[in-house]
Amino acid sequence: MFKITGLDEFQRKIEQLRHNAENLDGQHQVPLDELFAPAFMRQHSTLGDFDAFCREAGLSECSNDAFAAVPDVTLDTAVKRHTQFASWEEMKHAGAADWAKRRLFDGIGG
């Protein structure tokens, strides 16, 4: 007879994944510092965190209002200079995908 173990843990992870996927449904307001988490910034930029990116883009603060007041061309320049992305829009999409992936696999473990 062959005995299989670990299926309970696998089932728990599948249920957590299902729950996380349900929570991702719909629209979300994600703070910029969550969208561009330190690990994301270290992986995709020459800067250590999003605050450093804000300073390099000439912003006095990293808020949605501050970003809304800056022309996209200014942000595109900072993105091209300090990240692997071609534009601010591309960086935002990558940050959103990374945020969603982190939320999807939250609590799943290795």
PDB file of N, CA and C in Angstrom:
ATOM      1  N   MET A   1       0.845  -1.180   0.000  1.00  0.00           N
ATOM      2  CA  MET A   1       0.000   0.000   0.000  1.00  0.00           C
ATOM      3  C   MET A   1       0.886   1.239   0.000  1.00  0.00           C
ATOM      4  N   PHE A   2       0.479   2.249  -0.718  1.00  0.00           N
ATOM      5  CA  PHE A   2       1.214   3.503  -0.827  1.00  0.00           C
ATOM      6  C   PHE A   2       0.427   4.572  -0.089  1.00  0.00           C
ATOM      7  N   LYS A   3       1.081   5.272   0.825  1.00  0.00           N
ATOM      8  CA  LYS A   3       0.412   6.299   1.633  1.00  0.00           C
ATOM      9  C   LYS A   3       0.878   7.682   1.189  1.00  0.00           C
ATOM     10  N   ILE A   4      -0.075   8.567   0.946  1.00  0.00           N
ATOM     11  CA  ILE A   4       0.219   9.945   0.556  1.00  0.00           C
ATOM     12  C   ILE A   4      -0.059  10.838   1.753  1.00  0.00           C
ATOM     13  N   THR A   5       0.924  11.682   2.087  1.00  0.00           N
ATOM     14  CA  THR A   5       0.752  12.607   3.204  1.00  0.00           C
ATOM     15  C   THR A   5       0.882  14.039   2.696  1.00  0.00           C
ATOM     16  N   GLY A   6       0.418  14.959   3.502  1.00  0.00           N
ATOM     17  CA  GLY A   6       0.565  16.373   3.165  1.00  0.00           C
ATOM     18  C   GLY A   6      -0.610  16.965   2.419  1.00  0.00           C
ATOM     19  N   LEU A   7      -1.637  16.159   2.144  1.00  0.00           N
ATOM     20  CA  LEU A   7      -2.769  16.689   1.392  1.00  0.00           C
ATOM     21  C   LEU A   7      -3.575  17.710   2.190  1.00  0.00           C
ATOM     22  N   ASP A   8      -3.621  17.567   3.502  1.00  0.00           N
ATOM     23  CA  ASP A   8      -4.329  18.551   4.321  1.00  0.00           C
ATOM     24  C   ASP A   8      -3.688  19.931   4.195  1.00  0.00           C
ATOM     25  N   GLU A   9      -2.375  19.974   4.227  1.00  0.00           N
ATOM     26  CA  GLU A   9      -1.654  21.242   4.079  1.00  0.00           C
ATOM     27  C   GLU A   9      -1.866  21.820   2.683  1.00  0.00           C
ATOM     28  N   PHE A  10      -1.834  20.957   1.677  1.00  0.00           N
ATOM     29  CA  PHE A  10      -2.084  21.393   0.310  1.00  0.00           C
ATOM     30  C   PHE A  10      -3.487  21.987   0.187  1.00  0.00           C
ATOM     31  N   GLN A  11      -4.473  21.320   0.772  1.00  0.00           N
ATOM     32  CA  GLN A  11      -5.852  21.809   0.741  1.00  0.00           C
ATOM     33  C   GLN A  11      -5.967  23.163   1.437  1.00  0.00           C
ATOM     34  N   ARG A  12      -5.268  23.343   2.560  1.00  0.00           N
ATOM     35  CA  ARG A  12      -5.286  24.611   3.272  1.00  0.00           C
ATOM     36  C   ARG A  12      -4.733  25.723   2.392  1.00  0.00           C
ATOM     37  N   LYS A  13      -3.647  25.421   1.685  1.00  0.00           N
ATOM     38  CA  LYS A  13      -3.041  26.425   0.806  1.00  0.00           C
ATOM     39  C   LYS A  13      -3.957  26.766  -0.370  1.00  0.00           C
ATOM     40  N   ILE A  14      -4.631  25.786  -0.904  1.00  0.00           N
ATOM     41  CA  ILE A  14      -5.571  26.029  -2.002  1.00  0.00           C
ATOM     42  C   ILE A  14      -6.726  26.915  -1.519  1.00  0.00           C
ATOM     43  N   GLU A  15      -7.231  26.647  -0.333  1.00  0.00           N
ATOM     44  CA  GLU A  15      -8.314  27.452   0.227  1.00  0.00           C
ATOM     45  C   GLU A  15      -7.852  28.890   0.485  1.00  0.00           C
ATOM     46  N   GLN A  16      -6.635  29.054   0.990  1.00  0.00           N
ATOM     47  CA  GLN A  16      -6.094  30.394   1.219  1.00  0.00           C
ATOM     48  C   GLN A  16      -5.939  31.138  -0.104  1.00  0.00           C
ATOM     49  N   LEU A  17      -5.459  30.442  -1.115  1.00  0.00           N
ATOM     50  CA  LEU A  17      -5.307  31.031  -2.443  1.00  0.00           C
ATOM     51  C   LEU A  17      -6.672  31.465  -3.003  1.00  0.00           C
ATOM     52  N   ARG A  18      -7.691  30.633  -2.851  1.00  0.00           N
ATOM     53  CA  ARG A  18      -9.036  30.965  -3.300  1.00  0.00           C
ATOM     54  C   ARG A  18      -9.562  32.209  -2.573  1.00  0.00           C
ATOM     55  N   HIS A  19      -9.372  32.225  -1.264  1.00  0.00           N
ATOM     56  CA  HIS A  19      -9.802  33.368  -0.449  1.00  0.00           C
ATOM     57  C   HIS A  19      -9.085  34.652  -0.896  1.00  0.00           C
ATOM     58  N   ASN A  20      -7.778  34.556  -1.089  1.00  0.00           N
ATOM     59  CA  ASN A  20      -7.001  35.726  -1.520  1.00  0.00           C
ATOM     60  C   ASN A  20      -7.451  36.218  -2.890  1.00  0.00           C
ATOM     61  N   ALA A  21      -7.742  35.288  -3.798  1.00  0.00           N
ATOM     62  CA  ALA A  21      -8.191  35.665  -5.140  1.00  0.00           C
ATOM     63  C   ALA A  21      -9.538  36.385  -5.064  1.00  0.00           C
ATOM     64  N   GLU A  22     -10.433  35.909  -4.216  1.00  0.00           N
ATOM     65  CA  GLU A  22     -11.723  36.580  -4.043  1.00  0.00           C
ATOM     66  C   GLU A  22     -11.532  38.001  -3.515  1.00  0.00           C
ATOM     67  N   ASN A  23     -10.589  38.182  -2.613  1.00  0.00           N
ATOM     68  CA  ASN A  23     -10.331  39.511  -2.046  1.00  0.00           C
ATOM     69  C   ASN A  23      -9.716  40.479  -3.061  1.00  0.00           C
ATOM     70  N   LEU A  24      -9.102  39.953  -4.099  1.00  0.00           N
ATOM     71  CA  LEU A  24      -8.504  40.806  -5.131  1.00  0.00           C
ATOM     72  C   LEU A  24      -9.523  41.285  -6.152  1.00  0.00           C
ATOM     73  N   ASP A  25     -10.679  40.663  -6.181  1.00  0.00           N
ATOM     74  CA  ASP A  25     -11.703  41.031  -7.153  1.00  0.00           C
ATOM     75  C   ASP A  25     -12.143  42.478  -6.942  1.00  0.00           C
ATOM     76  N   GLY A  26     -12.385  43.177  -8.022  1.00  0.00           N
ATOM     77  CA  GLY A  26     -12.868  44.548  -7.937  1.00  0.00           C
ATOM     78  C   GLY A  26     -11.740  45.564  -8.011  1.00  0.00           C
ATOM     79  N   GLN A  27     -12.079  46.793  -7.671  1.00  0.00           N
ATOM     80  CA  GLN A  27     -11.109  47.883  -7.697  1.00  0.00           C
ATOM     81  C   GLN A  27     -10.538  48.101  -6.296  1.00  0.00           C
ATOM     82  N   HIS A  28      -9.295  48.568  -6.252  1.00  0.00           N
ATOM     83  CA  HIS A  28      -8.622  48.807  -4.978  1.00  0.00           C
ATOM     84  C   HIS A  28      -7.903  50.155  -5.018  1.00  0.00           C
ATOM     85  N   GLN A  29      -7.941  50.853  -3.910  1.00  0.00           N
ATOM     86  CA  GLN A  29      -7.141  52.060  -3.730  1.00  0.00           C
ATOM     87  C   GLN A  29      -5.888  51.632  -2.969  1.00  0.00           C
ATOM     88  N   VAL A  30      -4.769  51.610  -3.643  1.00  0.00           N
ATOM     89  CA  VAL A  30      -3.530  51.121  -3.048  1.00  0.00           C
ATOM     90  C   VAL A  30      -2.596  52.300  -2.812  1.00  0.00           C
ATOM     91  N   PRO A  31      -2.152  52.496  -1.574  1.00  0.00           N
ATOM     92  CA  PRO A  31      -1.177  53.564  -1.313  1.00  0.00           C
ATOM     93  C   PRO A  31       0.091  53.346  -2.140  1.00  0.00           C
ATOM     94  N   LEU A  32       0.680  54.439  -2.583  1.00  0.00           N
ATOM     95  CA  LEU A  32       1.871  54.345  -3.428  1.00  0.00           C
ATOM     96  C   LEU A  32       3.008  53.576  -2.769  1.00  0.00           C
ATOM     97  N   ASP A  33       3.174  53.731  -1.443  1.00  0.00           N
ATOM     98  CA  ASP A  33       4.270  53.017  -0.788  1.00  0.00           C
ATOM     99  C   ASP A  33       4.020  51.513  -0.725  1.00  0.00           C
ATOM    100  N   GLU A  34       2.762  51.069  -0.860  1.00  0.00           N
ATOM    101  CA  GLU A  34       2.466  49.633  -0.967  1.00  0.00           C
ATOM    102  C   GLU A  34       2.628  49.164  -2.402  1.00  0.00           C
ATOM    103  N   LEU A  35       2.219  50.015  -3.340  1.00  0.00           N
ATOM    104  CA  LEU A  35       2.344  49.677  -4.752  1.00  0.00           C
ATOM    105  C   LEU A  35       3.815  49.510  -5.125  1.00  0.00           C
ATOM    106  N   PHE A  36       4.648  50.381  -4.563  1.00  0.00           N
ATOM    107  CA  PHE A  36       6.081  50.344  -4.843  1.00  0.00           C
ATOM    108  C   PHE A  36       6.832  49.986  -3.563  1.00  0.00           C
ATOM    109  N   ALA A  37       6.612  48.768  -3.110  1.00  0.00           N
ATOM    110  CA  ALA A  37       7.232  48.276  -1.883  1.00  0.00           C
ATOM    111  C   ALA A  37       8.759  48.301  -2.016  1.00  0.00           C
ATOM    112  N   PRO A  38       9.471  48.346  -0.884  1.00  0.00           N
ATOM    113  CA  PRO A  38      10.935  48.384  -0.943  1.00  0.00           C
ATOM    114  C   PRO A  38      11.544  47.259  -1.791  1.00  0.00           C
ATOM    115  N   ALA A  39      11.023  46.053  -1.680  1.00  0.00           N
ATOM    116  CA  ALA A  39      11.571  44.941  -2.477  1.00  0.00           C
ATOM    117  C   ALA A  39      11.377  45.199  -3.969  1.00  0.00           C
ATOM    118  N   PHE A  40      10.233  45.757  -4.341  1.00  0.00           N
ATOM    119  CA  PHE A  40       9.971  46.104  -5.746  1.00  0.00           C
ATOM    120  C   PHE A  40      10.975  47.147  -6.223  1.00  0.00           C
ATOM    121  N   MET A  41      11.175  48.186  -5.417  1.00  0.00           N
ATOM    122  CA  MET A  41      12.095  49.250  -5.809  1.00  0.00           C
ATOM    123  C   MET A  41      13.537  48.753  -5.902  1.00  0.00           C
ATOM    124  N   ARG A  42      13.942  47.894  -4.980  1.00  0.00           N
ATOM    125  CA  ARG A  42      15.311  47.347  -5.044  1.00  0.00           C
ATOM    126  C   ARG A  42      15.496  46.486  -6.286  1.00  0.00           C
ATOM    127  N   GLN A  43      14.464  45.740  -6.651  1.00  0.00           N
ATOM    128  CA  GLN A  43      14.561  44.853  -7.812  1.00  0.00           C
ATOM    129  C   GLN A  43      14.534  45.605  -9.140  1.00  0.00           C
ATOM    130  N   HIS A  44      13.758  46.672  -9.212  1.00  0.00           N
ATOM    131  CA  HIS A  44      13.511  47.329 -10.495  1.00  0.00           C
ATOM    132  C   HIS A  44      14.128  48.716 -10.640  1.00  0.00           C
ATOM    133  N   SER A  45      14.856  49.179  -9.629  1.00  0.00           N
ATOM    134  CA  SER A  45      15.417  50.529  -9.745  1.00  0.00           C
ATOM    135  C   SER A  45      16.817  50.582  -9.138  1.00  0.00           C
ATOM    136  N   THR A  46      17.443  51.721  -9.318  1.00  0.00           N
ATOM    137  CA  THR A  46      18.757  51.957  -8.719  1.00  0.00           C
ATOM    138  C   THR A  46      18.607  52.576  -7.333  1.00  0.00           C
ATOM    139  N   LEU A  47      17.372  52.730  -6.903  1.00  0.00           N
ATOM    140  CA  LEU A  47      17.079  53.387  -5.630  1.00  0.00           C
ATOM    141  C   LEU A  47      16.602  52.359  -4.607  1.00  0.00           C
ATOM    142  N   GLY A  48      16.800  52.659  -3.339  1.00  0.00           N
ATOM    143  CA  GLY A  48      16.461  51.700  -2.292  1.00  0.00           C
ATOM    144  C   GLY A  48      15.001  51.655  -1.917  1.00  0.00           C
ATOM    145  N   ASP A  49      14.281  52.746  -2.151  1.00  0.00           N
ATOM    146  CA  ASP A  49      12.871  52.757  -1.776  1.00  0.00           C
ATOM    147  C   ASP A  49      12.129  53.843  -2.553  1.00  0.00           C
ATOM    148  N   PHE A  50      10.831  53.879  -2.363  1.00  0.00           N
ATOM    149  CA  PHE A  50      10.003  54.806  -3.125  1.00  0.00           C
ATOM    150  C   PHE A  50      10.220  56.253  -2.693  1.00  0.00           C
ATOM    151  N   ASP A  51      10.540  56.472  -1.427  1.00  0.00           N
ATOM    152  CA  ASP A  51      10.845  57.833  -0.972  1.00  0.00           C
ATOM    153  C   ASP A  51      12.017  58.419  -1.747  1.00  0.00           C
ATOM    154  N   ALA A  52      13.028  57.609  -1.997  1.00  0.00           N
ATOM    155  CA  ALA A  52      14.182  58.072  -2.774  1.00  0.00           C
ATOM    156  C   ALA A  52      13.760  58.410  -4.205  1.00  0.00           C
ATOM    157  N   PHE A  53      12.863  57.612  -4.764  1.00  0.00           N
ATOM    158  CA  PHE A  53      12.357  57.918  -6.102  1.00  0.00           C
ATOM    159  C   PHE A  53      11.629  59.261  -6.109  1.00  0.00           C
ATOM    160  N   CYS A  54      10.808  59.487  -5.096  1.00  0.00           N
ATOM    161  CA  CYS A  54      10.076  60.761  -5.000  1.00  0.00           C
ATOM    162  C   CYS A  54      11.044  61.940  -4.982  1.00  0.00           C
ATOM    163  N   ARG A  55      12.086  61.821  -4.174  1.00  0.00           N
ATOM    164  CA  ARG A  55      13.080  62.902  -4.106  1.00  0.00           C
ATOM    165  C   ARG A  55      13.746  63.109  -5.463  1.00  0.00           C
ATOM    166  N   GLU A  56      14.108  62.021  -6.129  1.00  0.00           N
ATOM    167  CA  GLU A  56      14.761  62.133  -7.440  1.00  0.00           C
ATOM    168  C   GLU A  56      13.824  62.729  -8.487  1.00  0.00           C
ATOM    169  N   ALA A  57      12.524  62.537  -8.304  1.00  0.00           N
ATOM    170  CA  ALA A  57      11.542  63.115  -9.235  1.00  0.00           C
ATOM    171  C   ALA A  57      11.229  64.568  -8.891  1.00  0.00           C
ATOM    172  N   GLY A  58      11.833  65.078  -7.806  1.00  0.00           N
ATOM    173  CA  GLY A  58      11.637  66.467  -7.423  1.00  0.00           C
ATOM    174  C   GLY A  58      10.403  66.721  -6.577  1.00  0.00           C
ATOM    175  N   LEU A  59       9.853  65.685  -5.975  1.00  0.00           N
ATOM    176  CA  LEU A  59       8.660  65.834  -5.140  1.00  0.00           C
ATOM    177  C   LEU A  59       9.052  66.065  -3.692  1.00  0.00           C
ATOM    178  N   SER A  60       8.301  66.918  -3.028  1.00  0.00           N
ATOM    179  CA  SER A  60       8.573  67.165  -1.610  1.00  0.00           C
ATOM    180  C   SER A  60       7.944  66.109  -0.722  1.00  0.00           C
ATOM    181  N   GLU A  61       6.965  65.368  -1.268  1.00  0.00           N
ATOM    182  CA  GLU A  61       6.333  64.279  -0.533  1.00  0.00           C
ATOM    183  C   GLU A  61       5.860  63.214  -1.517  1.00  0.00           C
ATOM    184  N   CYS A  62       5.640  62.015  -1.015  1.00  0.00           N
ATOM    185  CA  CYS A  62       5.188  60.895  -1.852  1.00  0.00           C
ATOM    186  C   CYS A  62       3.696  60.681  -1.663  1.00  0.00           C
ATOM    187  N   SER A  63       2.905  61.633  -2.089  1.00  0.00           N
ATOM    188  CA  SER A  63       1.459  61.509  -1.948  1.00  0.00           C
ATOM    189  C   SER A  63       0.803  61.498  -3.325  1.00  0.00           C
ATOM    190  N   ASN A  64      -0.421  61.007  -3.373  1.00  0.00           N
ATOM    191  CA  ASN A  64      -1.165  61.026  -4.635  1.00  0.00           C
ATOM    192  C   ASN A  64      -1.326  62.450  -5.154  1.00  0.00           C
ATOM    193  N   ASP A  65      -1.577  63.394  -4.249  1.00  0.00           N
ATOM    194  CA  ASP A  65      -1.729  64.794  -4.654  1.00  0.00           C
ATOM    195  C   ASP A  65      -0.446  65.343  -5.269  1.00  0.00           C
ATOM    196  N   ALA A  66       0.681  65.006  -4.646  1.00  0.00           N
ATOM    197  CA  ALA A  66       1.971  65.475  -5.179  1.00  0.00           C
ATOM    198  C   ALA A  66       2.211  64.906  -6.571  1.00  0.00           C
ATOM    199  N   PHE A  67       1.898  63.625  -6.758  1.00  0.00           N
ATOM    200  CA  PHE A  67       2.089  63.007  -8.074  1.00  0.00           C
ATOM    201  C   PHE A  67       1.129  63.584  -9.104  1.00  0.00           C
ATOM    202  N   ALA A  68      -0.084  63.892  -8.687  1.00  0.00           N
ATOM    203  CA  ALA A  68      -1.071  64.458  -9.606  1.00  0.00           C
ATOM    204  C   ALA A  68      -0.644  65.837 -10.110  1.00  0.00           C
ATOM    205  N   ALA A  69       0.145  66.553  -9.307  1.00  0.00           N
ATOM    206  CA  ALA A  69       0.575  67.903  -9.671  1.00  0.00           C
ATOM    207  C   ALA A  69       1.796  67.914 -10.589  1.00  0.00           C
ATOM    208  N   VAL A  70       2.443  66.780 -10.765  1.00  0.00           N
ATOM    209  CA  VAL A  70       3.663  66.707 -11.577  1.00  0.00           C
ATOM    210  C   VAL A  70       3.313  66.171 -12.962  1.00  0.00           C
ATOM    211  N   PRO A  71       3.792  66.836 -14.005  1.00  0.00           N
ATOM    212  CA  PRO A  71       3.518  66.338 -15.360  1.00  0.00           C
ATOM    213  C   PRO A  71       4.113  64.939 -15.565  1.00  0.00           C
ATOM    214  N   ASP A  72       3.405  64.109 -16.327  1.00  0.00           N
ATOM    215  CA  ASP A  72       3.892  62.751 -16.597  1.00  0.00           C
ATOM    216  C   ASP A  72       5.280  62.753 -17.226  1.00  0.00           C
ATOM    217  N   VAL A  73       5.584  63.764 -18.032  1.00  0.00           N
ATOM    218  CA  VAL A  73       6.895  63.814 -18.679  1.00  0.00           C
ATOM    219  C   VAL A  73       8.013  63.912 -17.633  1.00  0.00           C
ATOM    220  N   THR A  74       7.766  64.619 -16.543  1.00  0.00           N
ATOM    221  CA  THR A  74       8.746  64.717 -15.461  1.00  0.00           C
ATOM    222  C   THR A  74       8.921  63.369 -14.782  1.00  0.00           C
ATOM    223  N   LEU A  75       7.810  62.693 -14.540  1.00  0.00           N
ATOM    224  CA  LEU A  75       7.871  61.364 -13.926  1.00  0.00           C
ATOM    225  C   LEU A  75       8.510  60.361 -14.876  1.00  0.00           C
ATOM    226  N   ASP A  76       8.189  60.463 -16.160  1.00  0.00           N
ATOM    227  CA  ASP A  76       8.805  59.565 -17.149  1.00  0.00           C
ATOM    228  C   ASP A  76      10.326  59.712 -17.143  1.00  0.00           C
ATOM    229  N   THR A  77      10.795  60.941 -17.025  1.00  0.00           N
ATOM    230  CA  THR A  77      12.239  61.188 -16.992  1.00  0.00           C
ATOM    231  C   THR A  77      12.878  60.517 -15.780  1.00  0.00           C
ATOM    232  N   ALA A  78      12.274  60.675 -14.617  1.00  0.00           N
ATOM    233  CA  ALA A  78      12.801  60.041 -13.404  1.00  0.00           C
ATOM    234  C   ALA A  78      12.746  58.527 -13.513  1.00  0.00           C
ATOM    235  N   VAL A  79      11.674  58.010 -14.087  1.00  0.00           N
ATOM    236  CA  VAL A  79      11.535  56.556 -14.266  1.00  0.00           C
ATOM    237  C   VAL A  79      12.640  56.045 -15.182  1.00  0.00           C
ATOM    238  N   LYS A  80      12.838  56.699 -16.309  1.00  0.00           N
ATOM    239  CA  LYS A  80      13.868  56.266 -17.261  1.00  0.00           C
ATOM    240  C   LYS A  80      15.264  56.341 -16.655  1.00  0.00           C
ATOM    241  N   ARG A  81      15.494  57.345 -15.823  1.00  0.00           N
ATOM    242  CA  ARG A  81      16.818  57.551 -15.236  1.00  0.00           C
ATOM    243  C   ARG A  81      17.111  56.544 -14.122  1.00  0.00           C
ATOM    244  N   HIS A  82      16.093  56.153 -13.351  1.00  0.00           N
ATOM    245  CA  HIS A  82      16.344  55.385 -12.135  1.00  0.00           C
ATOM    246  C   HIS A  82      15.706  54.004 -12.070  1.00  0.00           C
ATOM    247  N   THR A  83      14.986  53.611 -13.129  1.00  0.00           N
ATOM    248  CA  THR A  83      14.358  52.288 -13.110  1.00  0.00           C
ATOM    249  C   THR A  83      14.582  51.585 -14.437  1.00  0.00           C
ATOM    250  N   GLN A  84      14.112  50.369 -14.513  1.00  0.00           N
ATOM    251  CA  GLN A  84      14.205  49.611 -15.759  1.00  0.00           C
ATOM    252  C   GLN A  84      13.000  49.851 -16.669  1.00  0.00           C
ATOM    253  N   PHE A  85      12.082  50.708 -16.247  1.00  0.00           N
ATOM    254  CA  PHE A  85      10.860  50.945 -17.008  1.00  0.00           C
ATOM    255  C   PHE A  85      11.020  52.112 -17.975  1.00  0.00           C
ATOM    256  N   ALA A  86      10.191  52.114 -19.010  1.00  0.00           N
ATOM    257  CA  ALA A  86      10.265  53.149 -20.036  1.00  0.00           C
ATOM    258  C   ALA A  86       9.393  54.358 -19.712  1.00  0.00           C
ATOM    259  N   SER A  87       8.420  54.176 -18.803  1.00  0.00           N
ATOM    260  CA  SER A  87       7.515  55.289 -18.499  1.00  0.00           C
ATOM    261  C   SER A  87       6.913  55.108 -17.107  1.00  0.00           C
ATOM    262  N   TRP A  88       6.349  56.192 -16.588  1.00  0.00           N
ATOM    263  CA  TRP A  88       5.654  56.160 -15.315  1.00  0.00           C
ATOM    264  C   TRP A  88       4.462  55.198 -15.390  1.00  0.00           C
ATOM    265  N   GLU A  89       3.759  55.211 -16.511  1.00  0.00           N
ATOM    266  CA  GLU A  89       2.608  54.322 -16.694  1.00  0.00           C
ATOM    267  C   GLU A  89       3.049  52.856 -16.622  1.00  0.00           C
ATOM    268  N   GLU A  90       4.154  52.525 -17.272  1.00  0.00           N
ATOM    269  CA  GLU A  90       4.672  51.153 -17.235  1.00  0.00           C
ATOM    270  C   GLU A  90       5.077  50.758 -15.807  1.00  0.00           C
ATOM    271  N   MET A  91       5.695  51.674 -15.096  1.00  0.00           N
ATOM    272  CA  MET A  91       6.092  51.403 -13.715  1.00  0.00           C
ATOM    273  C   MET A  91       4.863  51.163 -12.841  1.00  0.00           C
ATOM    274  N   LYS A  92       3.808  51.964 -13.030  1.00  0.00           N
ATOM    275  CA  LYS A  92       2.583  51.781 -12.251  1.00  0.00           C
ATOM    276  C   LYS A  92       1.950  50.422 -12.530  1.00  0.00           C
ATOM    277  N   HIS A  93       1.924  50.011 -13.781  1.00  0.00           N
ATOM    278  CA  HIS A  93       1.354  48.701 -14.119  1.00  0.00           C
ATOM    279  C   HIS A  93       2.164  47.567 -13.496  1.00  0.00           C
ATOM    280  N   ALA A  94       3.473  47.684 -13.549  1.00  0.00           N
ATOM    281  CA  ALA A  94       4.326  46.652 -12.942  1.00  0.00           C
ATOM    282  C   ALA A  94       4.147  46.619 -11.424  1.00  0.00           C
ATOM    283  N   GLY A  95       4.046  47.792 -10.806  1.00  0.00           N
ATOM    284  CA  GLY A  95       3.814  47.856  -9.366  1.00  0.00           C
ATOM    285  C   GLY A  95       2.487  47.235  -8.983  1.00  0.00           C
ATOM    286  N   ALA A  96       1.455  47.482  -9.791  1.00  0.00           N
ATOM    287  CA  ALA A  96       0.134  46.901  -9.519  1.00  0.00           C
ATOM    288  C   ALA A  96       0.168  45.380  -9.655  1.00  0.00           C
ATOM    289  N   ALA A  97       0.856  44.886 -10.670  1.00  0.00           N
ATOM    290  CA  ALA A  97       0.968  43.433 -10.847  1.00  0.00           C
ATOM    291  C   ALA A  97       1.718  42.803  -9.680  1.00  0.00           C
ATOM    292  N   ASP A  98       2.780  43.455  -9.238  1.00  0.00           N
ATOM    293  CA  ASP A  98       3.549  42.945  -8.101  1.00  0.00           C
ATOM    294  C   ASP A  98       2.706  42.970  -6.821  1.00  0.00           C
ATOM    295  N   TRP A  99       1.963  44.050  -6.603  1.00  0.00           N
ATOM    296  CA  TRP A  99       1.088  44.163  -5.436  1.00  0.00           C
ATOM    297  C   TRP A  99       0.057  43.040  -5.440  1.00  0.00           C
ATOM    298  N   ALA A 100      -0.578  42.801  -6.600  1.00  0.00           N
ATOM    299  CA  ALA A 100      -1.595  41.753  -6.700  1.00  0.00           C
ATOM    300  C   ALA A 100      -0.988  40.372  -6.443  1.00  0.00           C
ATOM    301  N   LYS A 101       0.181  40.139  -6.963  1.00  0.00           N
ATOM    302  CA  LYS A 101       0.856  38.849  -6.742  1.00  0.00           C
ATOM    303  C   LYS A 101       1.160  38.643  -5.263  1.00  0.00           C
ATOM    304  N   ARG A 102       1.641  39.693  -4.600  1.00  0.00           N
ATOM    305  CA  ARG A 102       1.911  39.579  -3.165  1.00  0.00           C
ATOM    306  C   ARG A 102       0.645  39.288  -2.396  1.00  0.00           C
ATOM    307  N   ARG A 103      -0.457  39.938  -2.753  1.00  0.00           N
ATOM    308  CA  ARG A 103      -1.734  39.710  -2.061  1.00  0.00           C
ATOM    309  C   ARG A 103      -2.279  38.311  -2.352  1.00  0.00           C
ATOM    310  N   LEU A 104      -2.116  37.846  -3.571  1.00  0.00           N
ATOM    311  CA  LEU A 104      -2.620  36.531  -3.952  1.00  0.00           C
ATOM    312  C   LEU A 104      -1.940  35.429  -3.147  1.00  0.00           C
ATOM    313  N   PHE A 105      -0.639  35.530  -2.985  1.00  0.00           N
ATOM    314  CA  PHE A 105       0.114  34.465  -2.311  1.00  0.00           C
ATOM    315  C   PHE A 105       0.353  34.715  -0.825  1.00  0.00           C
ATOM    316  N   ASP A 106      -0.261  35.775  -0.288  1.00  0.00           N
ATOM    317  CA  ASP A 106      -0.134  36.075   1.143  1.00  0.00           C
ATOM    318  C   ASP A 106      -0.689  34.918   1.978  1.00  0.00           C
ATOM    319  N   GLY A 107       0.106  34.416   2.902  1.00  0.00           N
ATOM    320  CA  GLY A 107      -0.323  33.342   3.783  1.00  0.00           C
ATOM    321  C   GLY A 107      -0.165  31.954   3.208  1.00  0.00           C
ATOM    322  N   ILE A 108       0.330  31.858   1.979  1.00  0.00           N
ATOM    323  CA  ILE A 108       0.501  30.556   1.341  1.00  0.00           C
ATOM    324  C   ILE A 108       1.814  29.900   1.787  1.00  0.00           C
ATOM    325  N   GLY A 109       2.856  30.693   1.880  1.00  0.00           N
ATOM    326  CA  GLY A 109       4.150  30.150   2.307  1.00  0.00           C
ATOM    327  C   GLY A 109       4.804  29.321   1.228  1.00  0.00           C
ATOM    328  N   GLY A 110       5.957  28.770   1.575  1.00  0.00           N
ATOM    329  CA  GLY A 110       6.717  28.009   0.581  1.00  0.00           C
ATOM    330  C   GLY A 110       6.470  26.566   0.572  1.00  0.00           C
TER     331      GLY A 110
END
